[in-house]
Amino acid sequence: MIIRKSQRERALRRKVPMFKPQDTLDRVFEIGIIVKGLNGLAELVGGLLLLFVGPGDIHHLVAVLTQGELSEDPNDVIARYLLHTADGLTGSALLFGAVYLLLHGAVKVGLVIALLLNKLWAYPCLIIVLLIFIGYQLYRIVLHPSVGLVALTVFDALIVVLTWREYRRQRRIPDRSPATDSVPRRAVEG
């Protein structure tokens, strides 16, 4: 009993080894994965909204939001695109969008949390997931090029490169314990 209590107390007192940037590229990596995490949270919220909001409600909301812009400029590209997209939403398209956003968001948030907790397995997982997203984005760019999608693809490619760099660095840390998948205290406290 006493031994178990002592072990529990020690485990509770241990700090969770968080990712700590060492240089400028590490800071860019950290900011990039945090942005990915925030984007994942937004996707989770969007997916939940799509589950509970009907196509008519979405069309009405988009019409209200774009009404002012279209009264000033009836040919506004963004407002017209939003209206066109809202018109094309059906029950099955909403369900697909909701499931896609929920899965996409959950994967991103989970991997970002694991990276910030410095879990070694999360680095290659994020690289694989981002490469899959990049492949899909390139397919979409070929079909329907857009500046936003190109920018997102470039950003994802940058995150892949920085994640690979950090993964290689983390694997070289001596005394990294595979059982706990954490970094020894001296490696994360600079």
N, C-alpha and C. Protein backbone atom coordinates (compact mmCIF):
# COMPACT_ATOMS: atom_id res chain seq x y z
N MET A 1 0.81 -1.20 0.00
CA MET A 1 0.00 0.00 0.00
C MET A 1 0.85 1.26 0.00
N ILE A 2 1.84 1.31 0.89
CA ILE A 2 2.69 2.49 1.00
C ILE A 2 3.48 2.68 -0.28
N ILE A 3 3.97 1.60 -0.87
CA ILE A 3 4.76 1.70 -2.10
C ILE A 3 3.88 2.23 -3.23
N ARG A 4 2.68 1.72 -3.35
CA ARG A 4 1.79 2.19 -4.42
C ARG A 4 1.47 3.67 -4.26
N LYS A 5 1.21 4.10 -3.06
CA LYS A 5 0.90 5.51 -2.83
C LYS A 5 2.09 6.38 -3.19
N SER A 6 3.29 5.96 -2.82
CA SER A 6 4.51 6.70 -3.13
C SER A 6 4.72 6.80 -4.64
N GLN A 7 4.50 5.70 -5.36
CA GLN A 7 4.65 5.71 -6.81
C GLN A 7 3.63 6.65 -7.45
N ARG A 8 2.41 6.61 -6.95
CA ARG A 8 1.37 7.49 -7.48
C ARG A 8 1.72 8.95 -7.26
N GLU A 9 2.21 9.26 -6.07
CA GLU A 9 2.57 10.65 -5.77
C GLU A 9 3.68 11.13 -6.68
N ARG A 10 4.70 10.28 -6.89
CA ARG A 10 5.79 10.65 -7.79
C ARG A 10 5.29 10.86 -9.22
N ALA A 11 4.40 10.01 -9.67
CA ALA A 11 3.86 10.13 -11.02
C ALA A 11 3.08 11.43 -11.18
N LEU A 12 2.34 11.81 -10.15
CA LEU A 12 1.58 13.06 -10.22
C LEU A 12 2.47 14.29 -10.20
N ARG A 13 3.61 14.17 -9.52
CA ARG A 13 4.51 15.33 -9.43
C ARG A 13 5.33 15.53 -10.69
N ARG A 14 5.49 14.48 -11.48
CA ARG A 14 6.28 14.59 -12.71
C ARG A 14 5.64 15.59 -13.66
N LYS A 15 6.48 16.38 -14.29
CA LYS A 15 5.98 17.32 -15.29
C LYS A 15 5.74 16.58 -16.59
N VAL A 16 4.70 17.00 -17.32
CA VAL A 16 4.47 16.47 -18.65
C VAL A 16 5.50 17.13 -19.56
N PRO A 17 6.28 16.32 -20.29
CA PRO A 17 7.33 16.90 -21.13
C PRO A 17 6.73 17.57 -22.37
N MET A 18 6.62 18.86 -22.31
CA MET A 18 6.04 19.63 -23.41
C MET A 18 7.13 19.96 -24.43
N PHE A 19 6.70 20.19 -25.67
CA PHE A 19 7.60 20.64 -26.71
C PHE A 19 8.08 22.04 -26.35
N LYS A 20 9.39 22.24 -26.40
CA LYS A 20 9.95 23.56 -26.11
C LYS A 20 10.84 23.98 -27.28
N PRO A 21 10.48 25.07 -27.97
CA PRO A 21 11.28 25.52 -29.10
C PRO A 21 12.68 25.93 -28.68
N GLN A 22 13.65 25.54 -29.50
CA GLN A 22 15.04 25.86 -29.23
C GLN A 22 15.57 26.96 -30.14
N ASP A 23 14.99 27.10 -31.33
CA ASP A 23 15.47 28.10 -32.28
C ASP A 23 14.29 28.64 -33.11
N THR A 24 14.60 29.45 -34.09
CA THR A 24 13.57 30.10 -34.90
C THR A 24 12.72 29.08 -35.65
N LEU A 25 13.36 28.07 -36.26
CA LEU A 25 12.58 27.06 -36.99
C LEU A 25 11.68 26.27 -36.05
N ASP A 26 12.14 26.03 -34.83
CA ASP A 26 11.29 25.37 -33.83
C ASP A 26 10.08 26.23 -33.51
N ARG A 27 10.28 27.53 -33.42
CA ARG A 27 9.16 28.43 -33.13
C ARG A 27 8.16 28.44 -34.30
N VAL A 28 8.68 28.44 -35.52
CA VAL A 28 7.80 28.38 -36.70
C VAL A 28 7.02 27.06 -36.68
N PHE A 29 7.70 25.96 -36.35
CA PHE A 29 7.04 24.67 -36.23
C PHE A 29 5.93 24.72 -35.18
N GLU A 30 6.26 25.26 -34.01
CA GLU A 30 5.28 25.34 -32.92
C GLU A 30 4.07 26.18 -33.33
N ILE A 31 4.31 27.33 -33.94
CA ILE A 31 3.21 28.19 -34.39
C ILE A 31 2.39 27.46 -35.45
N GLY A 32 3.08 26.79 -36.36
CA GLY A 32 2.38 26.06 -37.43
C GLY A 32 1.47 24.97 -36.89
N ILE A 33 1.96 24.19 -35.93
CA ILE A 33 1.10 23.12 -35.42
C ILE A 33 -0.02 23.68 -34.55
N ILE A 34 0.22 24.80 -33.88
CA ILE A 34 -0.86 25.42 -33.11
C ILE A 34 -1.94 25.94 -34.06
N VAL A 35 -1.52 26.54 -35.18
CA VAL A 35 -2.49 26.99 -36.19
C VAL A 35 -3.28 25.79 -36.71
N LYS A 36 -2.59 24.66 -36.95
CA LYS A 36 -3.28 23.44 -37.39
C LYS A 36 -4.28 22.99 -36.33
N GLY A 37 -3.91 23.07 -35.07
CA GLY A 37 -4.81 22.68 -33.99
C GLY A 37 -6.03 23.59 -33.92
N LEU A 38 -5.82 24.90 -34.06
CA LEU A 38 -6.95 25.84 -34.05
C LEU A 38 -7.85 25.61 -35.25
N ASN A 39 -7.25 25.31 -36.39
CA ASN A 39 -8.03 24.98 -37.58
C ASN A 39 -8.84 23.69 -37.34
N GLY A 40 -8.23 22.72 -36.67
CA GLY A 40 -8.95 21.50 -36.33
C GLY A 40 -10.12 21.76 -35.40
N LEU A 41 -9.94 22.65 -34.43
CA LEU A 41 -11.05 23.02 -33.54
C LEU A 41 -12.18 23.68 -34.33
N ALA A 42 -11.83 24.56 -35.25
CA ALA A 42 -12.84 25.22 -36.08
C ALA A 42 -13.58 24.18 -36.93
N GLU A 43 -12.85 23.18 -37.44
CA GLU A 43 -13.49 22.13 -38.22
C GLU A 43 -14.45 21.31 -37.36
N LEU A 44 -14.06 21.03 -36.11
CA LEU A 44 -14.95 20.30 -35.21
C LEU A 44 -16.24 21.09 -34.96
N VAL A 45 -16.10 22.38 -34.71
CA VAL A 45 -17.29 23.23 -34.49
C VAL A 45 -18.14 23.27 -35.76
N GLY A 46 -17.49 23.45 -36.91
CA GLY A 46 -18.21 23.48 -38.18
C GLY A 46 -18.92 22.17 -38.46
N GLY A 47 -18.25 21.06 -38.19
CA GLY A 47 -18.88 19.75 -38.39
C GLY A 47 -20.09 19.56 -37.50
N LEU A 48 -19.99 19.99 -36.26
CA LEU A 48 -21.14 19.89 -35.34
C LEU A 48 -22.29 20.77 -35.82
N LEU A 49 -21.96 21.97 -36.28
CA LEU A 49 -23.02 22.86 -36.79
C LEU A 49 -23.72 22.24 -38.00
N LEU A 50 -22.93 21.63 -38.90
CA LEU A 50 -23.55 21.02 -40.08
C LEU A 50 -24.47 19.87 -39.71
N LEU A 51 -24.18 19.20 -38.61
CA LEU A 51 -25.06 18.11 -38.17
C LEU A 51 -26.42 18.61 -37.71
N PHE A 52 -26.45 19.83 -37.16
CA PHE A 52 -27.67 20.32 -36.54
C PHE A 52 -28.38 21.43 -37.31
N VAL A 53 -27.81 21.86 -38.44
CA VAL A 53 -28.41 22.95 -39.21
C VAL A 53 -28.83 22.40 -40.57
N GLY A 54 -30.03 22.73 -41.00
CA GLY A 54 -30.54 22.25 -42.27
C GLY A 54 -30.07 23.08 -43.45
N PRO A 55 -30.20 22.53 -44.67
CA PRO A 55 -29.79 23.27 -45.88
C PRO A 55 -30.50 24.60 -46.03
N GLY A 56 -31.79 24.66 -45.71
CA GLY A 56 -32.55 25.91 -45.82
C GLY A 56 -32.01 26.97 -44.88
N ASP A 57 -31.65 26.55 -43.66
CA ASP A 57 -31.08 27.50 -42.69
C ASP A 57 -29.75 28.05 -43.16
N ILE A 58 -28.94 27.18 -43.74
CA ILE A 58 -27.63 27.62 -44.23
C ILE A 58 -27.82 28.60 -45.39
N HIS A 59 -28.71 28.27 -46.31
CA HIS A 59 -28.95 29.17 -47.45
C HIS A 59 -29.45 30.53 -46.95
N HIS A 60 -30.36 30.52 -45.99
CA HIS A 60 -30.89 31.77 -45.44
C HIS A 60 -29.76 32.59 -44.78
N LEU A 61 -28.92 31.94 -43.99
CA LEU A 61 -27.81 32.62 -43.33
C LEU A 61 -26.85 33.24 -44.35
N VAL A 62 -26.50 32.48 -45.38
CA VAL A 62 -25.58 32.99 -46.41
C VAL A 62 -26.24 34.16 -47.15
N ALA A 63 -27.52 34.06 -47.44
CA ALA A 63 -28.23 35.15 -48.13
C ALA A 63 -28.21 36.42 -47.29
N VAL A 64 -28.45 36.28 -45.99
CA VAL A 64 -28.43 37.45 -45.11
C VAL A 64 -27.02 38.05 -45.04
N LEU A 65 -26.01 37.19 -44.92
CA LEU A 65 -24.62 37.67 -44.80
C LEU A 65 -24.11 38.33 -46.07
N THR A 66 -24.59 37.88 -47.23
CA THR A 66 -24.07 38.43 -48.49
C THR A 66 -24.96 39.52 -49.08
N GLN A 67 -26.13 39.74 -48.50
CA GLN A 67 -27.10 40.72 -49.05
C GLN A 67 -26.50 42.12 -49.20
N GLY A 68 -25.82 42.60 -48.17
CA GLY A 68 -25.22 43.93 -48.22
C GLY A 68 -24.17 44.05 -49.30
N GLU A 69 -23.32 43.07 -49.39
CA GLU A 69 -22.25 43.10 -50.39
C GLU A 69 -22.81 43.04 -51.80
N LEU A 70 -23.81 42.18 -52.00
CA LEU A 70 -24.40 42.06 -53.34
C LEU A 70 -25.21 43.29 -53.73
N SER A 71 -25.74 44.04 -52.76
CA SER A 71 -26.46 45.27 -53.10
C SER A 71 -25.47 46.34 -53.57
N GLU A 72 -24.25 46.30 -53.05
CA GLU A 72 -23.21 47.25 -53.50
C GLU A 72 -22.58 46.80 -54.80
N ASP A 73 -22.32 45.50 -54.92
CA ASP A 73 -21.67 44.96 -56.11
C ASP A 73 -22.33 43.63 -56.46
N PRO A 74 -23.30 43.66 -57.38
CA PRO A 74 -24.03 42.44 -57.72
C PRO A 74 -23.15 41.34 -58.32
N ASN A 75 -21.93 41.68 -58.74
CA ASN A 75 -21.04 40.69 -59.34
C ASN A 75 -19.92 40.25 -58.38
N ASP A 76 -20.05 40.54 -57.09
CA ASP A 76 -19.04 40.17 -56.12
C ASP A 76 -18.77 38.66 -56.19
N VAL A 77 -17.52 38.31 -56.47
CA VAL A 77 -17.15 36.91 -56.71
C VAL A 77 -17.34 36.05 -55.46
N ILE A 78 -16.89 36.54 -54.32
CA ILE A 78 -16.96 35.75 -53.09
C ILE A 78 -18.41 35.56 -52.66
N ALA A 79 -19.20 36.62 -52.68
CA ALA A 79 -20.60 36.52 -52.27
C ALA A 79 -21.37 35.57 -53.19
N ARG A 80 -21.12 35.69 -54.49
CA ARG A 80 -21.80 34.80 -55.45
C ARG A 80 -21.37 33.34 -55.24
N TYR A 81 -20.09 33.13 -54.98
CA TYR A 81 -19.60 31.77 -54.74
C TYR A 81 -20.26 31.18 -53.49
N LEU A 82 -20.37 31.97 -52.43
CA LEU A 82 -21.00 31.49 -51.20
C LEU A 82 -22.47 31.14 -51.45
N LEU A 83 -23.18 31.99 -52.17
CA LEU A 83 -24.58 31.70 -52.49
C LEU A 83 -24.72 30.45 -53.35
N HIS A 84 -23.85 30.32 -54.34
CA HIS A 84 -23.87 29.15 -55.22
C HIS A 84 -23.61 27.87 -54.42
N THR A 85 -22.64 27.94 -53.52
CA THR A 85 -22.32 26.78 -52.68
C THR A 85 -23.49 26.43 -51.77
N ALA A 86 -24.09 27.44 -51.15
CA ALA A 86 -25.23 27.21 -50.26
C ALA A 86 -26.41 26.61 -51.02
N ASP A 87 -26.60 27.03 -52.27
CA ASP A 87 -27.70 26.48 -53.09
C ASP A 87 -27.49 25.00 -53.38
N GLY A 88 -26.24 24.59 -53.49
CA GLY A 88 -25.94 23.20 -53.84
C GLY A 88 -25.95 22.24 -52.66
N LEU A 89 -26.16 22.74 -51.46
CA LEU A 89 -26.15 21.86 -50.30
C LEU A 89 -27.44 21.05 -50.21
N THR A 90 -27.27 19.76 -50.06
CA THR A 90 -28.40 18.86 -49.85
C THR A 90 -28.17 18.13 -48.53
N GLY A 91 -29.13 17.35 -48.13
CA GLY A 91 -28.99 16.59 -46.89
C GLY A 91 -27.78 15.68 -46.89
N SER A 92 -27.54 14.97 -48.01
CA SER A 92 -26.40 14.05 -48.06
C SER A 92 -25.08 14.82 -48.13
N ALA A 93 -25.07 15.95 -48.83
CA ALA A 93 -23.85 16.76 -48.89
C ALA A 93 -23.52 17.34 -47.52
N LEU A 94 -24.55 17.73 -46.77
CA LEU A 94 -24.32 18.25 -45.42
C LEU A 94 -23.77 17.16 -44.50
N LEU A 95 -24.34 15.96 -44.61
CA LEU A 95 -23.86 14.86 -43.77
C LEU A 95 -22.41 14.52 -44.11
N PHE A 96 -22.08 14.46 -45.41
CA PHE A 96 -20.70 14.20 -45.81
C PHE A 96 -19.79 15.30 -45.27
N GLY A 97 -20.20 16.55 -45.44
CA GLY A 97 -19.39 17.67 -44.95
C GLY A 97 -19.19 17.61 -43.45
N ALA A 98 -20.25 17.27 -42.72
CA ALA A 98 -20.16 17.19 -41.26
C ALA A 98 -19.20 16.09 -40.84
N VAL A 99 -19.35 14.91 -41.42
CA VAL A 99 -18.48 13.78 -41.07
C VAL A 99 -17.04 14.09 -41.44
N TYR A 100 -16.85 14.65 -42.63
CA TYR A 100 -15.49 15.01 -43.09
C TYR A 100 -14.85 16.00 -42.12
N LEU A 101 -15.57 17.06 -41.78
CA LEU A 101 -15.01 18.07 -40.87
C LEU A 101 -14.75 17.51 -39.48
N LEU A 102 -15.65 16.69 -38.98
CA LEU A 102 -15.46 16.11 -37.65
C LEU A 102 -14.24 15.19 -37.61
N LEU A 103 -14.10 14.32 -38.61
CA LEU A 103 -12.94 13.42 -38.64
C LEU A 103 -11.64 14.19 -38.86
N HIS A 104 -11.67 15.09 -39.83
CA HIS A 104 -10.50 15.90 -40.16
C HIS A 104 -10.06 16.72 -38.94
N GLY A 105 -11.01 17.35 -38.29
CA GLY A 105 -10.72 18.17 -37.12
C GLY A 105 -10.22 17.35 -35.95
N ALA A 106 -10.84 16.20 -35.70
CA ALA A 106 -10.43 15.35 -34.58
C ALA A 106 -9.01 14.84 -34.78
N VAL A 107 -8.68 14.43 -35.99
CA VAL A 107 -7.32 13.95 -36.28
C VAL A 107 -6.30 15.07 -36.04
N LYS A 108 -6.59 16.25 -36.56
CA LYS A 108 -5.67 17.38 -36.38
C LYS A 108 -5.48 17.74 -34.92
N VAL A 109 -6.58 17.88 -34.19
CA VAL A 109 -6.50 18.26 -32.77
C VAL A 109 -5.74 17.19 -31.99
N GLY A 110 -6.06 15.93 -32.23
CA GLY A 110 -5.37 14.85 -31.52
C GLY A 110 -3.88 14.83 -31.78
N LEU A 111 -3.49 14.99 -33.04
CA LEU A 111 -2.06 14.98 -33.38
C LEU A 111 -1.35 16.21 -32.83
N VAL A 112 -2.00 17.35 -32.87
CA VAL A 112 -1.37 18.56 -32.33
C VAL A 112 -1.15 18.42 -30.83
N ILE A 113 -2.13 17.91 -30.12
CA ILE A 113 -1.96 17.70 -28.67
C ILE A 113 -0.81 16.74 -28.42
N ALA A 114 -0.76 15.64 -29.17
CA ALA A 114 0.33 14.68 -29.00
C ALA A 114 1.68 15.31 -29.30
N LEU A 115 1.76 16.15 -30.32
CA LEU A 115 3.03 16.82 -30.64
C LEU A 115 3.44 17.78 -29.53
N LEU A 116 2.48 18.54 -29.04
CA LEU A 116 2.81 19.49 -27.96
C LEU A 116 3.22 18.76 -26.68
N LEU A 117 2.72 17.53 -26.51
CA LEU A 117 3.14 16.70 -25.37
C LEU A 117 4.41 15.92 -25.70
N ASN A 118 4.95 16.17 -26.88
CA ASN A 118 6.22 15.61 -27.32
C ASN A 118 6.18 14.09 -27.49
N LYS A 119 5.09 13.56 -27.99
CA LYS A 119 4.97 12.12 -28.25
C LYS A 119 5.64 11.82 -29.59
N LEU A 120 6.65 10.96 -29.54
CA LEU A 120 7.45 10.67 -30.73
C LEU A 120 6.61 10.07 -31.86
N TRP A 121 5.64 9.22 -31.55
CA TRP A 121 4.82 8.57 -32.57
C TRP A 121 3.99 9.59 -33.36
N ALA A 122 3.71 10.73 -32.79
CA ALA A 122 2.85 11.71 -33.46
C ALA A 122 3.53 12.39 -34.65
N TYR A 123 4.85 12.47 -34.63
CA TYR A 123 5.56 13.14 -35.72
C TYR A 123 5.33 12.43 -37.06
N PRO A 124 5.65 11.12 -37.17
CA PRO A 124 5.40 10.46 -38.46
C PRO A 124 3.91 10.40 -38.80
N CYS A 125 3.05 10.28 -37.78
CA CYS A 125 1.60 10.27 -38.05
C CYS A 125 1.17 11.58 -38.69
N LEU A 126 1.63 12.71 -38.16
CA LEU A 126 1.27 14.00 -38.73
C LEU A 126 1.79 14.13 -40.16
N ILE A 127 3.01 13.66 -40.38
CA ILE A 127 3.59 13.73 -41.73
C ILE A 127 2.72 12.94 -42.71
N ILE A 128 2.33 11.73 -42.33
CA ILE A 128 1.50 10.89 -43.21
C ILE A 128 0.15 11.55 -43.47
N VAL A 129 -0.49 12.03 -42.42
CA VAL A 129 -1.80 12.68 -42.57
C VAL A 129 -1.69 13.90 -43.47
N LEU A 130 -0.69 14.73 -43.24
CA LEU A 130 -0.54 15.93 -44.07
C LEU A 130 -0.23 15.58 -45.53
N LEU A 131 0.57 14.54 -45.76
CA LEU A 131 0.86 14.13 -47.13
C LEU A 131 -0.41 13.65 -47.84
N ILE A 132 -1.29 12.96 -47.09
CA ILE A 132 -2.57 12.55 -47.67
C ILE A 132 -3.40 13.79 -48.02
N PHE A 133 -3.46 14.76 -47.08
CA PHE A 133 -4.20 16.00 -47.34
C PHE A 133 -3.60 16.74 -48.54
N ILE A 134 -2.28 16.81 -48.60
CA ILE A 134 -1.62 17.49 -49.72
C ILE A 134 -1.97 16.81 -51.04
N GLY A 135 -1.96 15.48 -51.06
CA GLY A 135 -2.34 14.75 -52.27
C GLY A 135 -3.75 15.10 -52.72
N TYR A 136 -4.67 15.13 -51.78
CA TYR A 136 -6.06 15.48 -52.09
C TYR A 136 -6.15 16.94 -52.54
N GLN A 137 -5.42 17.82 -51.87
CA GLN A 137 -5.44 19.24 -52.24
C GLN A 137 -4.87 19.44 -53.64
N LEU A 138 -3.82 18.71 -54.00
CA LEU A 138 -3.26 18.83 -55.35
C LEU A 138 -4.26 18.36 -56.38
N TYR A 139 -4.98 17.29 -56.07
CA TYR A 139 -6.05 16.81 -56.95
C TYR A 139 -7.09 17.90 -57.16
N ARG A 140 -7.49 18.55 -56.06
CA ARG A 140 -8.50 19.63 -56.14
C ARG A 140 -7.94 20.83 -56.92
N ILE A 141 -6.66 21.12 -56.75
CA ILE A 141 -6.04 22.24 -57.46
C ILE A 141 -6.06 21.99 -58.97
N VAL A 142 -5.80 20.74 -59.36
CA VAL A 142 -5.83 20.41 -60.79
C VAL A 142 -7.24 20.61 -61.35
N LEU A 143 -8.26 20.20 -60.59
CA LEU A 143 -9.64 20.32 -61.05
C LEU A 143 -10.16 21.75 -60.98
N HIS A 144 -9.92 22.41 -59.84
CA HIS A 144 -10.45 23.76 -59.60
C HIS A 144 -9.40 24.59 -58.88
N PRO A 145 -8.46 25.17 -59.62
CA PRO A 145 -7.39 25.93 -58.96
C PRO A 145 -7.93 27.12 -58.17
N SER A 146 -7.34 27.33 -56.99
CA SER A 146 -7.69 28.51 -56.20
C SER A 146 -6.46 28.93 -55.40
N VAL A 147 -6.34 30.23 -55.21
CA VAL A 147 -5.20 30.78 -54.48
C VAL A 147 -5.19 30.25 -53.05
N GLY A 148 -6.36 30.19 -52.43
CA GLY A 148 -6.44 29.72 -51.05
C GLY A 148 -5.97 28.28 -50.89
N LEU A 149 -6.37 27.42 -51.81
CA LEU A 149 -5.97 26.02 -51.73
C LEU A 149 -4.47 25.86 -52.00
N VAL A 150 -3.94 26.64 -52.92
CA VAL A 150 -2.49 26.61 -53.17
C VAL A 150 -1.74 27.06 -51.91
N ALA A 151 -2.21 28.14 -51.29
CA ALA A 151 -1.56 28.64 -50.06
C ALA A 151 -1.63 27.59 -48.95
N LEU A 152 -2.78 26.94 -48.79
CA LEU A 152 -2.93 25.89 -47.78
C LEU A 152 -1.98 24.73 -48.06
N THR A 153 -1.83 24.36 -49.32
CA THR A 153 -0.94 23.26 -49.70
C THR A 153 0.51 23.61 -49.42
N VAL A 154 0.91 24.83 -49.72
CA VAL A 154 2.28 25.28 -49.43
C VAL A 154 2.51 25.27 -47.91
N PHE A 155 1.53 25.77 -47.15
CA PHE A 155 1.63 25.78 -45.69
C PHE A 155 1.76 24.35 -45.15
N ASP A 156 0.93 23.43 -45.65
CA ASP A 156 1.02 22.04 -45.21
C ASP A 156 2.38 21.43 -45.56
N ALA A 157 2.91 21.74 -46.74
CA ALA A 157 4.22 21.23 -47.14
C ALA A 157 5.31 21.75 -46.20
N LEU A 158 5.21 23.03 -45.82
CA LEU A 158 6.17 23.60 -44.87
C LEU A 158 6.09 22.88 -43.53
N ILE A 159 4.88 22.60 -43.07
CA ILE A 159 4.70 21.90 -41.80
C ILE A 159 5.27 20.48 -41.90
N VAL A 160 5.13 19.82 -43.04
CA VAL A 160 5.72 18.48 -43.23
C VAL A 160 7.24 18.55 -43.08
N VAL A 161 7.86 19.52 -43.75
CA VAL A 161 9.32 19.67 -43.67
C VAL A 161 9.76 19.96 -42.24
N LEU A 162 9.08 20.87 -41.57
CA LEU A 162 9.45 21.21 -40.19
C LEU A 162 9.18 20.04 -39.23
N THR A 163 8.12 19.28 -39.48
CA THR A 163 7.82 18.12 -38.63
C THR A 163 8.89 17.05 -38.82
N TRP A 164 9.30 16.82 -40.05
CA TRP A 164 10.37 15.85 -40.32
C TRP A 164 11.66 16.28 -39.63
N ARG A 165 11.98 17.56 -39.73
CA ARG A 165 13.18 18.09 -39.07
C ARG A 165 13.12 17.86 -37.56
N GLU A 166 12.00 18.17 -36.97
CA GLU A 166 11.85 18.01 -35.52
C GLU A 166 11.84 16.54 -35.11
N TYR A 167 11.23 15.70 -35.93
CA TYR A 167 11.20 14.26 -35.65
C TYR A 167 12.63 13.70 -35.63
N ARG A 168 13.42 14.09 -36.62
CA ARG A 168 14.82 13.62 -36.64
C ARG A 168 15.57 14.11 -35.41
N ARG A 169 15.34 15.33 -35.03
CA ARG A 169 15.99 15.90 -33.84
C ARG A 169 15.55 15.16 -32.57
N GLN A 170 14.27 14.89 -32.44
CA GLN A 170 13.76 14.20 -31.24
C GLN A 170 14.28 12.77 -31.15
N ARG A 171 14.43 12.11 -32.28
CA ARG A 171 14.95 10.73 -32.27
C ARG A 171 16.39 10.66 -31.82
N ARG A 172 17.15 11.73 -32.02
CA ARG A 172 18.57 11.75 -31.64
C ARG A 172 18.79 12.05 -30.17
N ILE A 173 17.75 12.45 -29.44
CA ILE A 173 17.92 12.78 -28.03
C ILE A 173 18.28 11.51 -27.26
N PRO A 174 19.42 11.53 -26.55
CA PRO A 174 19.80 10.35 -25.78
C PRO A 174 18.85 10.11 -24.60
N ASP A 175 18.72 8.89 -24.21
CA ASP A 175 17.91 8.49 -23.05
C ASP A 175 16.42 8.73 -23.26
N ARG A 176 15.99 8.85 -24.50
CA ARG A 176 14.54 8.99 -24.72
C ARG A 176 13.92 7.63 -24.41
N SER A 177 12.97 7.62 -23.52
CA SER A 177 12.40 6.37 -23.05
C SER A 177 11.27 5.92 -23.97
N PRO A 178 11.44 4.80 -24.70
CA PRO A 178 10.38 4.34 -25.59
C PRO A 178 9.14 3.89 -24.81
N ALA A 179 9.32 3.43 -23.59
CA ALA A 179 8.18 2.94 -22.80
C ALA A 179 7.21 4.07 -22.47
N THR A 180 7.74 5.24 -22.15
CA THR A 180 6.87 6.36 -21.80
C THR A 180 6.71 7.33 -22.96
N ASP A 181 7.55 7.14 -24.01
CA ASP A 181 7.52 8.02 -25.17
C ASP A 181 7.63 9.47 -24.75
N SER A 182 8.55 9.72 -23.85
CA SER A 182 8.75 11.09 -23.41
C SER A 182 10.24 11.41 -23.43
N VAL A 183 10.51 12.66 -23.28
CA VAL A 183 11.88 13.14 -23.31
C VAL A 183 12.36 13.32 -21.88
N PRO A 184 13.61 12.94 -21.59
CA PRO A 184 14.10 13.16 -20.25
C PRO A 184 14.06 14.64 -19.88
N ARG A 185 13.97 14.91 -18.62
CA ARG A 185 13.79 16.28 -18.13
C ARG A 185 14.85 17.24 -18.70
N ARG A 186 16.10 16.83 -18.76
CA ARG A 186 17.14 17.76 -19.20
C ARG A 186 16.99 18.14 -20.67
N ALA A 187 16.29 17.30 -21.47
CA ALA A 187 16.15 17.59 -22.89
C ALA A 187 15.05 18.62 -23.16
N VAL A 188 14.05 18.70 -22.29
CA VAL A 188 12.97 19.63 -22.56
C VAL A 188 13.03 20.89 -21.74
N GLU A 189 13.81 20.87 -20.68
CA GLU A 189 13.96 22.08 -19.89
C GLU A 189 15.27 22.72 -20.25
N GLY A 190 15.20 23.83 -20.96
CA GLY A 190 16.42 24.39 -21.49
C GLY A 190 16.99 25.42 -20.67
